[in-house]
């Protein structure tokens, strides 16, 4: 008989694993590329990158007309207690005065709440940014980016 086969049952013994008590895998599921950095990006980091991917080509295209614009991502807008049943804003545009730049803030949580998948999230971020830039430039959103749809 083969070694490792139980003489009475004829089966090989089960290997013991680190999951002896059914608590799941131990240790990281993914090893980072660079020590000391997380291997997986957080939802916030993914959203920030998405906004950056949308804003960069539009800002490069319209930089001459826009002037200095700061783009930011915040989790949620600060709403007054008496806000009521009005919809939560997806972004905020504060026009610059003098030396202060114009500031376009995208609110992550309201946008994520409305999107059901990654494609919708990308489309919604694109729509919000294009509409805000169109307002800033005083032109129709379709002129800012030809991919814009109502």
C-alpha atoms as a PDB file:
ATOM      1  CA  UNK A   1       0.000   0.000   0.000  1.00  0.00           C
ATOM      2  CA  UNK A   2       0.971   3.608  -0.587  1.00  0.00           C
ATOM      3  CA  UNK A   3       2.289   5.517   2.319  1.00  0.00           C
ATOM      4  CA  UNK A   4      -0.133   8.212   3.356  1.00  0.00           C
ATOM      5  CA  UNK A   5      -3.227   6.126   2.600  1.00  0.00           C
ATOM      6  CA  UNK A   6      -5.275   5.033   5.596  1.00  0.00           C
ATOM      7  CA  UNK A   7      -5.357   1.214   5.722  1.00  0.00           C
ATOM      8  CA  UNK A   8      -8.993   0.975   6.875  1.00  0.00           C
ATOM      9  CA  UNK A   9     -10.613   3.629   4.624  1.00  0.00           C
ATOM     10  CA  UNK A  10      -8.217   3.684   1.699  1.00  0.00           C
ATOM     11  CA  UNK A  11      -8.317   7.509   1.673  1.00  0.00           C
ATOM     12  CA  UNK A  12      -5.494   9.969   1.956  1.00  0.00           C
ATOM     13  CA  UNK A  13      -5.458  11.990   5.167  1.00  0.00           C
ATOM     14  CA  UNK A  14      -6.739  15.557   4.966  1.00  0.00           C
ATOM     15  CA  UNK A  15      -4.141  18.240   5.061  1.00  0.00           C
ATOM     16  CA  UNK A  16      -4.322  20.639   7.916  1.00  0.00           C
ATOM     17  CA  UNK A  17      -4.613  24.231   6.833  1.00  0.00           C
ATOM     18  CA  UNK A  18      -4.285  27.516   8.627  1.00  0.00           C
ATOM     19  CA  UNK A  19      -8.089  27.766   8.636  1.00  0.00           C
ATOM     20  CA  UNK A  20      -8.561  25.270  11.457  1.00  0.00           C
ATOM     21  CA  UNK A  21     -11.505  27.056  13.056  1.00  0.00           C
ATOM     22  CA  UNK A  22     -13.348  28.257   9.963  1.00  0.00           C
ATOM     23  CA  UNK A  23     -12.447  31.912  10.383  1.00  0.00           C
ATOM     24  CA  UNK A  24     -11.254  32.442   6.848  1.00  0.00           C
ATOM     25  CA  UNK A  25      -7.931  33.194   5.276  1.00  0.00           C
ATOM     26  CA  UNK A  26      -5.201  34.703   7.390  1.00  0.00           C
ATOM     27  CA  UNK A  27      -2.985  37.485   6.208  1.00  0.00           C
ATOM     28  CA  UNK A  28      -3.337  39.779   3.235  1.00  0.00           C
ATOM     29  CA  UNK A  29      -5.088  38.524   0.146  1.00  0.00           C
ATOM     30  CA  UNK A  30      -2.917  40.719  -2.072  1.00  0.00           C
ATOM     31  CA  UNK A  31       0.718  41.585  -1.539  1.00  0.00           C
ATOM     32  CA  UNK A  32       1.585  45.247  -2.263  1.00  0.00           C
ATOM     33  CA  UNK A  33       4.029  46.164  -5.039  1.00  0.00           C
ATOM     34  CA  UNK A  34       5.872  48.579  -2.762  1.00  0.00           C
ATOM     35  CA  UNK A  35       6.395  47.720   0.906  1.00  0.00           C
ATOM     36  CA  UNK A  36       4.509  50.048   3.227  1.00  0.00           C
ATOM     37  CA  UNK A  37       1.813  50.937   0.694  1.00  0.00           C
ATOM     38  CA  UNK A  38      -1.636  49.392   0.480  1.00  0.00           C
ATOM     39  CA  UNK A  39      -2.056  46.864  -2.313  1.00  0.00           C
ATOM     40  CA  UNK A  40      -5.645  47.823  -3.034  1.00  0.00           C
ATOM     41  CA  UNK A  41      -6.933  51.354  -3.419  1.00  0.00           C
ATOM     42  CA  UNK A  42      -9.807  52.554  -1.291  1.00  0.00           C
ATOM     43  CA  UNK A  43     -13.138  53.685  -2.749  1.00  0.00           C
ATOM     44  CA  UNK A  44     -12.104  57.276  -2.094  1.00  0.00           C
ATOM     45  CA  UNK A  45      -8.830  56.841  -3.985  1.00  0.00           C
ATOM     46  CA  UNK A  46     -10.624  55.198  -6.920  1.00  0.00           C
ATOM     47  CA  UNK A  47     -13.144  58.048  -7.069  1.00  0.00           C
ATOM     48  CA  UNK A  48     -10.373  60.669  -6.885  1.00  0.00           C
ATOM     49  CA  UNK A  49      -8.622  58.977  -9.818  1.00  0.00           C
ATOM     50  CA  UNK A  50     -11.875  58.860 -11.781  1.00  0.00           C
ATOM     51  CA  UNK A  51     -12.419  62.609 -11.281  1.00  0.00           C
ATOM     52  CA  UNK A  52      -8.814  63.277 -12.264  1.00  0.00           C
ATOM     53  CA  UNK A  53      -9.250  61.201 -15.440  1.00  0.00           C
ATOM     54  CA  UNK A  54     -12.364  63.213 -16.372  1.00  0.00           C
ATOM     55  CA  UNK A  55     -11.028  66.657 -15.426  1.00  0.00           C
ATOM     56  CA  UNK A  56      -7.539  66.485 -16.947  1.00  0.00           C
ATOM     57  CA  UNK A  57      -8.430  66.440 -20.674  1.00  0.00           C
ATOM     58  CA  UNK A  58     -11.209  69.003 -20.212  1.00  0.00           C
ATOM     59  CA  UNK A  59      -8.969  71.338 -18.224  1.00  0.00           C
ATOM     60  CA  UNK A  60      -6.204  71.039 -20.821  1.00  0.00           C
ATOM     61  CA  UNK A  61      -8.667  71.825 -23.616  1.00  0.00           C
ATOM     62  CA  UNK A  62     -10.265  74.855 -21.899  1.00  0.00           C
ATOM     63  CA  UNK A  63      -7.381  76.128 -19.702  1.00  0.00           C
ATOM     64  CA  UNK A  64      -6.926  79.258 -21.813  1.00  0.00           C
ATOM     65  CA  UNK A  65     -10.585  80.263 -21.280  1.00  0.00           C
ATOM     66  CA  UNK A  66     -10.990  79.028 -17.716  1.00  0.00           C
ATOM     67  CA  UNK A  67      -8.022  80.624 -16.030  1.00  0.00           C
ATOM     68  CA  UNK A  68      -6.992  79.203 -12.682  1.00  0.00           C
ATOM     69  CA  UNK A  69      -9.404  76.525 -11.460  1.00  0.00           C
ATOM     70  CA  UNK A  70      -8.951  74.307  -8.414  1.00  0.00           C
ATOM     71  CA  UNK A  71     -10.642  70.924  -8.567  1.00  0.00           C
ATOM     72  CA  UNK A  72     -11.462  69.112  -5.345  1.00  0.00           C
ATOM     73  CA  UNK A  73     -13.369  66.059  -4.139  1.00  0.00           C
ATOM     74  CA  UNK A  74     -15.212  66.077  -0.829  1.00  0.00           C
ATOM     75  CA  UNK A  75     -17.274  63.306   0.709  1.00  0.00           C
ATOM     76  CA  UNK A  76     -20.527  65.236   1.086  1.00  0.00           C
ATOM     77  CA  UNK A  77     -21.717  68.841   1.094  1.00  0.00           C
ATOM     78  CA  UNK A  78     -22.309  70.721   4.315  1.00  0.00           C
ATOM     79  CA  UNK A  79     -26.050  71.369   4.300  1.00  0.00           C
ATOM     80  CA  UNK A  80     -27.975  73.578   6.721  1.00  0.00           C
ATOM     81  CA  UNK A  81     -30.340  71.896   9.179  1.00  0.00           C
ATOM     82  CA  UNK A  82     -33.352  73.432   7.444  1.00  0.00           C
ATOM     83  CA  UNK A  83     -32.404  72.022   4.007  1.00  0.00           C
ATOM     84  CA  UNK A  84     -35.669  70.085   3.737  1.00  0.00           C
ATOM     85  CA  UNK A  85     -36.601  67.709   0.939  1.00  0.00           C
ATOM     86  CA  UNK A  86     -34.507  69.368  -1.733  1.00  0.00           C
ATOM     87  CA  UNK A  87     -32.039  67.144  -3.562  1.00  0.00           C
ATOM     88  CA  UNK A  88     -28.487  66.980  -2.316  1.00  0.00           C
ATOM     89  CA  UNK A  89     -26.068  68.804  -4.645  1.00  0.00           C
ATOM     90  CA  UNK A  90     -23.541  66.740  -6.604  1.00  0.00           C
ATOM     91  CA  UNK A  91     -21.041  69.569  -6.962  1.00  0.00           C
ATOM     92  CA  UNK A  92     -20.274  73.131  -6.005  1.00  0.00           C
ATOM     93  CA  UNK A  93     -18.813  75.914  -8.115  1.00  0.00           C
ATOM     94  CA  UNK A  94     -17.389  78.992  -6.430  1.00  0.00           C
ATOM     95  CA  UNK A  95     -16.122  81.623  -8.829  1.00  0.00           C
ATOM     96  CA  UNK A  96     -12.763  83.133  -8.012  1.00  0.00           C
ATOM     97  CA  UNK A  97     -12.344  86.804  -7.193  1.00  0.00           C
ATOM     98  CA  UNK A  98      -9.135  88.698  -7.663  1.00  0.00           C
ATOM     99  CA  UNK A  99      -6.176  86.431  -6.978  1.00  0.00           C
ATOM    100  CA  UNK A 100      -8.299  83.591  -5.562  1.00  0.00           C
ATOM    101  CA  UNK A 101      -8.952  80.771  -8.049  1.00  0.00           C
ATOM    102  CA  UNK A 102     -12.306  79.360  -9.064  1.00  0.00           C
ATOM    103  CA  UNK A 103     -13.071  76.209  -7.084  1.00  0.00           C
ATOM    104  CA  UNK A 104     -15.032  73.246  -8.453  1.00  0.00           C
ATOM    105  CA  UNK A 105     -15.868  70.659  -5.795  1.00  0.00           C
ATOM    106  CA  UNK A 106     -17.295  67.240  -6.656  1.00  0.00           C
ATOM    107  CA  UNK A 107     -19.201  65.488  -3.856  1.00  0.00           C
ATOM    108  CA  UNK A 108     -18.337  61.791  -3.811  1.00  0.00           C
ATOM    109  CA  UNK A 109     -21.051  60.233  -1.640  1.00  0.00           C
ATOM    110  CA  UNK A 110     -24.127  61.741  -3.383  1.00  0.00           C
ATOM    111  CA  UNK A 111     -22.763  60.691  -6.779  1.00  0.00           C
ATOM    112  CA  UNK A 112     -21.882  57.172  -5.623  1.00  0.00           C
ATOM    113  CA  UNK A 113     -25.325  56.864  -4.048  1.00  0.00           C
ATOM    114  CA  UNK A 114     -27.049  57.606  -7.372  1.00  0.00           C
ATOM    115  CA  UNK A 115     -24.866  55.344  -9.537  1.00  0.00           C
ATOM    116  CA  UNK A 116     -25.547  51.597  -9.662  1.00  0.00           C
ATOM    117  CA  UNK A 117     -22.328  50.530 -11.421  1.00  0.00           C
ATOM    118  CA  UNK A 118     -18.926  51.802 -12.501  1.00  0.00           C
ATOM    119  CA  UNK A 119     -20.111  52.927 -15.958  1.00  0.00           C
ATOM    120  CA  UNK A 120     -22.914  55.022 -14.467  1.00  0.00           C
ATOM    121  CA  UNK A 121     -20.476  56.500 -11.958  1.00  0.00           C
ATOM    122  CA  UNK A 122     -18.091  57.539 -14.738  1.00  0.00           C
ATOM    123  CA  UNK A 123     -20.941  58.993 -16.814  1.00  0.00           C
ATOM    124  CA  UNK A 124     -22.323  60.922 -13.845  1.00  0.00           C
ATOM    125  CA  UNK A 125     -18.936  62.409 -12.916  1.00  0.00           C
ATOM    126  CA  UNK A 126     -18.384  63.372 -16.559  1.00  0.00           C
ATOM    127  CA  UNK A 127     -21.828  64.994 -16.772  1.00  0.00           C
ATOM    128  CA  UNK A 128     -21.377  66.963 -13.539  1.00  0.00           C
ATOM    129  CA  UNK A 129     -17.924  68.256 -14.516  1.00  0.00           C
ATOM    130  CA  UNK A 130     -18.994  69.204 -18.058  1.00  0.00           C
ATOM    131  CA  UNK A 131     -22.107  71.024 -16.805  1.00  0.00           C
ATOM    132  CA  UNK A 132     -20.124  72.995 -14.236  1.00  0.00           C
ATOM    133  CA  UNK A 133     -17.429  73.942 -16.746  1.00  0.00           C
ATOM    134  CA  UNK A 134     -20.123  74.980 -19.230  1.00  0.00           C
ATOM    135  CA  UNK A 135     -21.666  77.235 -16.596  1.00  0.00           C
ATOM    136  CA  UNK A 136     -18.271  78.715 -15.831  1.00  0.00           C
ATOM    137  CA  UNK A 137     -17.548  79.336 -19.517  1.00  0.00           C
ATOM    138  CA  UNK A 138     -21.070  80.540 -20.306  1.00  0.00           C
ATOM    139  CA  UNK A 139     -21.577  78.053 -23.149  1.00  0.00           C
ATOM    140  CA  UNK A 140     -23.680  74.942 -23.738  1.00  0.00           C
ATOM    141  CA  UNK A 141     -22.406  71.673 -22.210  1.00  0.00           C
ATOM    142  CA  UNK A 142     -22.288  70.077 -25.668  1.00  0.00           C
ATOM    143  CA  UNK A 143     -19.674  72.654 -26.682  1.00  0.00           C
ATOM    144  CA  UNK A 144     -17.464  71.828 -23.699  1.00  0.00           C
ATOM    145  CA  UNK A 145     -17.360  68.137 -24.627  1.00  0.00           C
ATOM    146  CA  UNK A 146     -19.022  66.574 -27.643  1.00  0.00           C
ATOM    147  CA  UNK A 147     -19.577  63.338 -25.687  1.00  0.00           C
ATOM    148  CA  UNK A 148     -22.010  65.136 -23.363  1.00  0.00           C
ATOM    149  CA  UNK A 149     -25.574  63.855 -23.508  1.00  0.00           C
ATOM    150  CA  UNK A 150     -28.607  65.244 -21.667  1.00  0.00           C
END
